[in-house]
Amino acid sequence: MDVSRIEFGIDSFGDRPRNDRGEIVSHAEAIRAAVTEAVLADQVGIDVVALGEHHRPEYAISSPETVLAGIATATRRIRLASGVTVLSSDDPVRVFQRFATLDALSEGRAEVILGRGSFTESFPLFGYDLKDYEVLFEEKIDLFHRLLDEKPVTWEGTTRAALHDADVYPKTESGRLNTWVGVGGTPQSILRTAHYGFRLMLAIIGGAPDRFAPYVDLYRRASEEFGTDARPVGMHSPGFVATTDEEARELFYPGYREIRDRIGALRGWPPIRREEFDAEVARGSLYVGSVETVAAKIAHAIRTLDAGRFDMIYSAAGTVSATARLRSVELYGTQVIPRVRELLAEQPAAAGAAR
């Protein structure tokens, strides 16, 4: 494992934090907070900021590339990604154009992470039928893959108008937009990602990361069979860093419970219990704690999956204060990431890690 090549990012959905008076801020303030946090991330050496698309009251960001464009003008080095762009309910041509524009504004720092999304509100909002859930993604990812060649495209499907020798602008300066696919863990999604030669970003939001090792192995074996490039695998998981383990858990848990139970009620989940939360922090995929605790857990996950990128969903606590979120980003960049690199250098990937 080449420790110097491992990348670290942060993710946000534009969760609405609390201000210093304990009030949940407006959507507009939450968007500005995301920009402020990304600027800090750039300053403290974090490699990537990824903003997710949602269409729900808890989250402020419905157009990640627009917010990323604002971040581009205020930063110098951090790469700018969606996390994810819900391609099924969008138009591949417009997605390409928007991210090619972001790539120009940021001088080549744009990345797009495509996905189905973990929520379905965008489908009725934009006039799509959920019964077409599978075919929408299948057809649109195929078209997007063709657009990445930045040559005239001829394409025909059932979910949008056909294209006949259509050229799409603007072009990127590099000639290709860096593209990932966000996957929750189904073999079909892994195989599709490998087939198109896209980078794989595993959304690991619960349970031990080692259960995803077979998917990493499948991705690499499939990439070899398809003759595509099995590039380093990425993973993203919720996390929060504070001075002590106790402080991190107490700051994180109330907002996490609120969001988890609100979403869980829609999906038939029972309310979360504190002991379940503590167990997930101890053995699962919540990276919550002090610098040393979070760093050790990230290092273990990277070794387990032989991952090349780890993104922390730093705003997953929802209503934690904006001040605490900024402090978490600062600690992650200035202390957690360097400590992870030290730990990985001391103990390389285990013999049983995915290859």
Protein backbone atom coordinates (compact mmCIF):
# COMPACT_ATOMS: atom_id res chain seq x y z
CA MET A 1 0.00 0.00 0.00
CA ASP A 2 1.43 3.36 -1.08
CA VAL A 3 0.32 5.56 1.83
CA SER A 4 1.22 8.76 -0.02
CA ARG A 5 -1.37 8.01 -2.71
CA ILE A 6 -4.31 7.53 -0.36
CA GLU A 7 -6.77 10.41 -0.51
CA PHE A 8 -9.10 11.83 2.12
CA GLY A 9 -12.29 13.77 1.59
CA ILE A 10 -15.35 15.14 3.33
CA ASP A 11 -19.00 14.76 2.33
CA SER A 12 -22.07 16.83 3.11
CA PHE A 13 -25.70 16.97 2.03
CA GLY A 14 -25.96 20.55 3.26
CA ASP A 15 -27.51 19.40 6.56
CA ARG A 16 -28.96 22.36 8.44
CA PRO A 17 -26.87 22.95 11.57
CA ARG A 18 -27.77 24.93 14.68
CA ASN A 19 -26.42 28.42 15.20
CA ASP A 20 -24.88 29.73 18.44
CA ARG A 21 -28.38 30.40 19.80
CA GLY A 22 -29.37 26.75 19.28
CA GLU A 23 -31.69 27.51 16.35
CA ILE A 24 -31.70 25.37 13.20
CA VAL A 25 -30.51 27.65 10.41
CA SER A 26 -32.29 28.36 7.14
CA HIS A 27 -31.53 26.53 3.92
CA ALA A 28 -29.67 29.60 2.66
CA GLU A 29 -27.47 29.72 5.77
CA ALA A 30 -26.80 25.98 5.50
CA ILE A 31 -25.56 26.41 1.93
CA ARG A 32 -23.24 29.21 3.00
CA ALA A 33 -22.05 27.02 5.90
CA ALA A 34 -21.14 24.26 3.44
CA VAL A 35 -19.02 26.75 1.46
CA THR A 36 -17.28 27.95 4.64
CA GLU A 37 -16.54 24.34 5.65
CA ALA A 38 -15.15 23.54 2.21
CA VAL A 39 -12.87 26.58 2.29
CA LEU A 40 -11.54 25.43 5.65
CA ALA A 41 -11.06 21.92 4.26
CA ASP A 42 -8.96 23.38 1.45
CA GLN A 43 -6.84 25.26 3.96
CA VAL A 44 -6.17 22.25 6.21
CA GLY A 45 -5.12 19.90 3.43
CA ILE A 46 -8.21 17.75 2.80
CA ASP A 47 -8.13 16.38 -0.75
CA VAL A 48 -11.79 16.38 -1.81
CA VAL A 49 -15.13 17.91 -0.85
CA ALA A 50 -18.20 16.03 -2.09
CA LEU A 51 -21.71 17.47 -1.89
CA GLY A 52 -24.76 15.27 -2.22
CA GLU A 53 -28.05 16.01 -3.99
CA HIS A 54 -31.23 15.83 -1.93
CA HIS A 55 -34.74 17.23 -2.19
CA ARG A 56 -35.85 17.04 1.43
CA PRO A 57 -36.38 19.67 4.16
CA GLU A 58 -33.47 18.40 6.28
CA TYR A 59 -30.95 19.14 3.54
CA ALA A 60 -30.17 22.37 1.73
CA ILE A 61 -28.25 21.18 -1.33
CA SER A 62 -30.33 20.15 -4.33
CA SER A 63 -27.82 21.38 -6.93
CA PRO A 64 -24.33 20.28 -5.82
CA GLU A 65 -22.51 21.62 -8.85
CA THR A 66 -23.85 25.14 -8.22
CA VAL A 67 -22.53 25.16 -4.66
CA LEU A 68 -19.29 23.57 -5.83
CA ALA A 69 -18.88 26.37 -8.37
CA GLY A 70 -19.06 28.84 -5.51
CA ILE A 71 -16.48 26.83 -3.61
CA ALA A 72 -14.25 26.74 -6.70
CA THR A 73 -13.88 30.51 -6.69
CA ALA A 74 -12.82 30.55 -3.02
CA THR A 75 -10.37 27.62 -2.98
CA ARG A 76 -7.12 26.70 -4.69
CA ARG A 77 -6.40 22.96 -4.51
CA ILE A 78 -9.27 20.89 -3.10
CA ARG A 79 -11.10 18.74 -5.65
CA LEU A 80 -14.83 19.28 -6.07
CA ALA A 81 -17.21 16.33 -6.36
CA SER A 82 -20.86 15.50 -6.14
CA GLY A 83 -21.77 12.79 -3.67
CA VAL A 84 -23.97 11.75 -5.45
CA THR A 85 -25.59 13.21 -8.54
CA VAL A 86 -28.90 11.37 -8.96
CA LEU A 87 -28.49 10.57 -12.64
CA SER A 88 -31.75 8.60 -12.92
CA SER A 89 -33.87 11.75 -12.49
CA ASP A 90 -31.56 14.09 -14.39
CA ASP A 91 -30.47 14.46 -17.99
CA PRO A 92 -27.00 13.06 -18.79
CA VAL A 93 -26.26 15.81 -21.31
CA ARG A 94 -27.02 18.55 -18.81
CA VAL A 95 -25.09 16.76 -16.05
CA PHE A 96 -22.06 16.58 -18.30
CA GLN A 97 -22.37 20.23 -19.29
CA ARG A 98 -22.70 21.42 -15.71
CA PHE A 99 -19.70 19.47 -14.48
CA ALA A 100 -17.61 20.41 -17.51
CA THR A 101 -18.42 24.03 -16.62
CA LEU A 102 -17.40 23.40 -13.00
CA ASP A 103 -14.21 21.80 -14.28
CA ALA A 104 -13.39 24.96 -16.22
CA LEU A 105 -14.09 27.27 -13.28
CA SER A 106 -11.94 25.15 -10.96
CA GLU A 107 -9.13 24.59 -13.47
CA GLY A 108 -9.63 20.84 -13.67
CA ARG A 109 -10.72 19.99 -10.12
CA ALA A 110 -14.24 18.69 -10.87
CA GLU A 111 -15.39 15.12 -10.25
CA VAL A 112 -18.84 13.61 -10.61
CA ILE A 113 -20.08 10.69 -8.53
CA LEU A 114 -23.14 9.20 -10.20
CA GLY A 115 -25.77 7.23 -8.34
CA ARG A 116 -29.40 6.30 -7.96
CA GLY A 117 -29.61 8.20 -4.68
CA SER A 118 -30.77 6.89 -1.32
CA PHE A 119 -34.09 8.78 -1.55
CA THR A 120 -36.73 8.86 -4.27
CA GLU A 121 -38.20 12.38 -3.93
CA SER A 122 -36.49 13.53 -7.13
CA PHE A 123 -38.46 11.08 -9.30
CA PRO A 124 -41.96 12.57 -8.92
CA LEU A 125 -40.47 16.05 -8.57
CA PHE A 126 -39.00 15.86 -12.07
CA GLY A 127 -41.77 13.79 -13.63
CA TYR A 128 -40.31 10.28 -13.55
CA ASP A 129 -42.14 7.08 -12.64
CA LEU A 130 -40.52 4.89 -9.99
CA LYS A 131 -41.55 1.79 -11.94
CA ASP A 132 -38.83 2.86 -14.41
CA TYR A 133 -36.22 2.98 -11.64
CA GLU A 134 -33.95 0.35 -13.19
CA VAL A 135 -34.18 1.33 -16.84
CA LEU A 136 -33.67 5.03 -16.09
CA PHE A 137 -30.28 4.40 -14.52
CA GLU A 138 -29.25 1.74 -17.03
CA GLU A 139 -29.91 3.95 -20.04
CA LYS A 140 -28.65 7.21 -18.59
CA ILE A 141 -25.35 5.84 -17.33
CA ASP A 142 -24.77 4.33 -20.78
CA LEU A 143 -25.33 7.72 -22.42
CA PHE A 144 -23.18 9.52 -19.87
CA HIS A 145 -20.36 7.05 -20.51
CA ARG A 146 -20.48 7.89 -24.20
CA LEU A 147 -20.50 11.62 -23.53
CA LEU A 148 -17.24 11.32 -21.60
CA ASP A 149 -15.35 10.70 -24.85
CA GLU A 150 -16.23 14.32 -25.78
CA LYS A 151 -16.98 13.35 -29.38
CA PRO A 152 -20.23 13.51 -31.37
CA VAL A 153 -22.70 11.00 -29.90
CA THR A 154 -25.37 8.88 -31.55
CA TRP A 155 -27.59 7.20 -28.98
CA GLU A 156 -31.13 5.89 -28.68
CA GLY A 157 -33.14 4.72 -25.68
CA THR A 158 -36.58 4.83 -24.12
CA THR A 159 -36.12 7.45 -21.41
CA ARG A 160 -35.10 10.54 -23.39
CA ALA A 161 -34.94 11.80 -26.97
CA ALA A 162 -32.43 10.10 -29.26
CA LEU A 163 -29.19 11.83 -30.22
CA HIS A 164 -27.81 11.75 -33.76
CA ASP A 165 -24.19 12.83 -34.18
CA ALA A 166 -24.74 15.36 -31.40
CA ASP A 167 -21.74 17.29 -30.08
CA VAL A 168 -21.92 18.56 -26.50
CA TYR A 169 -20.22 21.64 -25.08
CA PRO A 170 -18.21 22.81 -23.22
CA LYS A 171 -15.32 20.40 -23.57
CA THR A 172 -12.97 19.84 -20.63
CA GLU A 173 -9.34 20.91 -20.88
CA SER A 174 -8.12 17.42 -19.90
CA GLY A 175 -10.41 15.69 -22.37
CA ARG A 176 -12.22 13.55 -19.80
CA LEU A 177 -14.26 14.23 -16.68
CA ASN A 178 -13.23 12.22 -13.63
CA THR A 179 -16.24 9.96 -12.92
CA TRP A 180 -17.18 7.62 -10.07
CA VAL A 181 -20.28 5.59 -9.28
CA GLY A 182 -21.63 5.52 -5.75
CA VAL A 183 -22.73 1.99 -4.80
CA GLY A 184 -24.55 0.78 -1.71
CA GLY A 185 -23.48 -2.81 -2.18
CA THR A 186 -25.24 -4.87 -4.84
CA PRO A 187 -23.32 -7.17 -7.22
CA GLN A 188 -25.17 -5.82 -10.24
CA SER A 189 -24.09 -2.25 -9.44
CA ILE A 190 -20.50 -3.36 -8.91
CA LEU A 191 -20.43 -5.17 -12.25
CA ARG A 192 -21.94 -2.19 -14.07
CA THR A 193 -19.33 0.15 -12.61
CA ALA A 194 -16.53 -2.18 -13.67
CA HIS A 195 -18.02 -2.62 -17.14
CA TYR A 196 -17.88 1.11 -17.82
CA GLY A 197 -14.48 1.55 -16.21
CA PHE A 198 -15.79 4.03 -13.65
CA ARG A 199 -14.25 4.43 -10.23
CA LEU A 200 -16.10 2.72 -7.39
CA MET A 201 -17.24 4.66 -4.30
CA LEU A 202 -18.75 2.40 -1.64
CA ALA A 203 -21.42 3.99 0.55
CA ILE A 204 -20.80 2.24 3.88
CA ILE A 205 -23.20 3.77 6.38
CA GLY A 206 -23.71 0.83 8.71
CA GLY A 207 -22.08 -2.38 9.81
CA ALA A 208 -18.45 -3.42 9.77
CA PRO A 209 -16.55 -2.40 6.61
CA ASP A 210 -15.12 -5.89 6.14
CA ARG A 211 -18.48 -7.09 4.82
CA PHE A 212 -17.76 -4.99 1.71
CA ALA A 213 -14.48 -6.77 0.96
CA PRO A 214 -16.18 -9.27 -1.43
CA TYR A 215 -17.52 -6.32 -3.46
CA VAL A 216 -14.04 -4.83 -3.79
CA ASP A 217 -12.75 -8.20 -4.95
CA LEU A 218 -15.65 -8.52 -7.42
CA TYR A 219 -14.96 -5.05 -8.81
CA ARG A 220 -11.31 -5.83 -9.41
CA ARG A 221 -11.96 -9.25 -10.94
CA ALA A 222 -14.71 -7.85 -13.18
CA SER A 223 -12.54 -4.92 -14.27
CA GLU A 224 -9.85 -7.37 -15.32
CA GLU A 225 -12.37 -9.46 -17.24
CA PHE A 226 -13.88 -6.41 -18.97
CA GLY A 227 -10.44 -4.98 -19.69
CA THR A 228 -11.24 -1.74 -17.85
CA ASP A 229 -9.15 0.06 -15.24
CA ALA A 230 -9.79 -1.13 -11.66
CA ARG A 231 -8.66 2.08 -10.06
CA PRO A 232 -8.32 2.52 -6.30
CA VAL A 233 -11.65 2.00 -4.55
CA GLY A 234 -13.18 4.75 -2.43
CA MET A 235 -15.46 4.53 0.59
CA HIS A 236 -17.52 7.05 2.48
CA SER A 237 -19.01 6.79 5.95
CA PRO A 238 -20.44 9.12 8.61
CA GLY A 239 -18.01 10.60 11.11
CA PHE A 240 -17.41 13.37 13.60
CA VAL A 241 -14.26 14.41 15.46
CA ALA A 242 -14.01 16.22 18.79
CA THR A 243 -11.47 16.58 21.59
CA THR A 244 -12.56 13.42 23.42
CA ASP A 245 -14.59 10.32 22.60
CA GLU A 246 -17.26 11.33 25.08
CA GLU A 247 -17.58 14.85 23.71
CA ALA A 248 -17.84 13.56 20.13
CA ARG A 249 -20.58 11.07 20.99
CA GLU A 250 -22.60 13.54 23.04
CA LEU A 251 -22.43 16.22 20.35
CA PHE A 252 -23.16 13.81 17.51
CA TYR A 253 -25.85 11.52 18.91
CA PRO A 254 -28.88 13.86 19.34
CA GLY A 255 -28.86 15.12 15.76
CA TYR A 256 -27.99 11.72 14.37
CA ARG A 257 -30.88 10.13 16.27
CA GLU A 258 -33.29 12.81 15.06
CA ILE A 259 -32.42 12.37 11.39
CA ARG A 260 -32.13 8.58 11.63
CA ASP A 261 -35.56 8.23 13.27
CA ARG A 262 -37.24 10.67 10.87
CA ILE A 263 -35.95 8.76 7.86
CA GLY A 264 -36.46 5.42 9.57
CA ALA A 265 -40.14 6.15 10.16
CA LEU A 266 -40.59 6.41 6.39
CA ARG A 267 -38.85 3.09 5.85
CA GLY A 268 -40.42 1.09 8.66
CA TRP A 269 -37.40 1.08 10.96
CA PRO A 270 -37.85 1.15 14.75
CA PRO A 271 -36.40 4.15 16.63
CA ILE A 272 -32.69 3.81 17.26
CA ARG A 273 -31.57 2.99 20.79
CA ARG A 274 -28.46 4.49 22.39
CA GLU A 275 -26.83 1.09 22.78
CA GLU A 276 -27.22 0.50 19.03
CA PHE A 277 -25.52 3.79 18.33
CA ASP A 278 -22.68 3.00 20.73
CA ALA A 279 -22.21 -0.42 19.13
CA GLU A 280 -22.04 1.15 15.66
CA VAL A 281 -19.43 3.63 16.89
CA ALA A 282 -17.41 0.84 18.49
CA ARG A 283 -17.60 -1.80 15.75
CA GLY A 284 -19.50 -0.44 12.76
CA SER A 285 -19.25 2.45 10.33
CA LEU A 286 -19.71 5.53 12.50
CA TYR A 287 -16.30 7.20 12.77
CA VAL A 288 -17.11 9.24 15.86
CA GLY A 289 -14.61 10.11 18.56
CA SER A 290 -11.30 11.73 19.38
CA VAL A 291 -8.50 12.16 16.88
CA GLU A 292 -6.80 8.92 17.91
CA THR A 293 -10.03 6.90 17.95
CA VAL A 294 -11.21 8.09 14.54
CA ALA A 295 -7.76 7.78 12.97
CA ALA A 296 -7.33 4.19 14.19
CA LYS A 297 -10.75 3.22 12.89
CA ILE A 298 -10.19 4.83 9.47
CA ALA A 299 -6.79 3.16 9.16
CA HIS A 300 -8.38 -0.20 9.95
CA ALA A 301 -11.09 0.31 7.31
CA ILE A 302 -8.57 1.34 4.66
CA ARG A 303 -6.40 -1.69 5.41
CA THR A 304 -9.42 -4.01 5.41
CA LEU A 305 -10.66 -2.90 1.98
CA ASP A 306 -7.29 -1.82 0.54
CA ALA A 307 -9.08 1.45 -0.21
CA GLY A 308 -7.45 4.37 -1.97
CA ARG A 309 -9.82 7.04 -0.69
CA PHE A 310 -11.81 7.65 2.46
CA ASP A 311 -14.50 10.35 2.60
CA MET A 312 -16.05 11.28 5.94
CA ILE A 313 -19.68 12.42 5.92
CA TYR A 314 -18.91 15.10 8.48
CA SER A 315 -22.38 16.65 8.68
CA ALA A 316 -24.31 13.43 9.29
CA ALA A 317 -25.19 14.54 12.83
CA GLY A 318 -27.68 16.90 11.25
CA THR A 319 -28.40 19.53 13.84
CA VAL A 320 -24.98 19.64 15.53
CA SER A 321 -23.82 23.25 15.77
CA ALA A 322 -22.03 24.96 12.90
CA THR A 323 -19.13 25.77 15.23
CA ALA A 324 -18.70 22.10 16.21
CA ARG A 325 -18.83 21.05 12.56
CA LEU A 326 -16.06 23.46 11.64
CA ARG A 327 -13.96 22.16 14.51
CA SER A 328 -14.54 18.59 13.32
CA VAL A 329 -13.37 19.46 9.79
CA GLU A 330 -10.30 21.20 11.20
CA LEU A 331 -9.35 18.24 13.41
CA TYR A 332 -9.93 15.81 10.55
CA GLY A 333 -7.62 17.73 8.23
CA THR A 334 -4.88 18.77 10.63
CA GLN A 335 -4.68 15.76 12.95
CA VAL A 336 -6.74 12.74 11.86
CA ILE A 337 -5.42 12.46 8.30
CA PRO A 338 -1.72 12.75 9.28
CA ARG A 339 -2.28 10.18 12.05
CA VAL A 340 -3.99 7.76 9.64
CA ARG A 341 -0.99 7.99 7.33
CA GLU A 342 1.33 7.23 10.25
CA LEU A 343 -0.71 4.20 11.29
CA LEU A 344 -0.87 2.84 7.75
CA ALA A 345 2.87 3.25 7.34
CA GLU A 346 3.44 1.35 10.59
CA GLN A 347 1.14 -1.53 9.60
CA PRO A 348 0.50 -2.12 5.89
CA ALA A 349 -2.58 -3.83 4.48
CA ALA A 350 -3.29 -7.19 6.06
CA ALA A 351 -2.75 -10.34 4.03
CA GLY A 352 -6.50 -10.93 3.92
CA ALA A 353 -7.39 -7.50 2.57
CA ALA A 354 -9.16 -7.24 -0.78
CA ARG A 355 -6.70 -7.06 -3.66
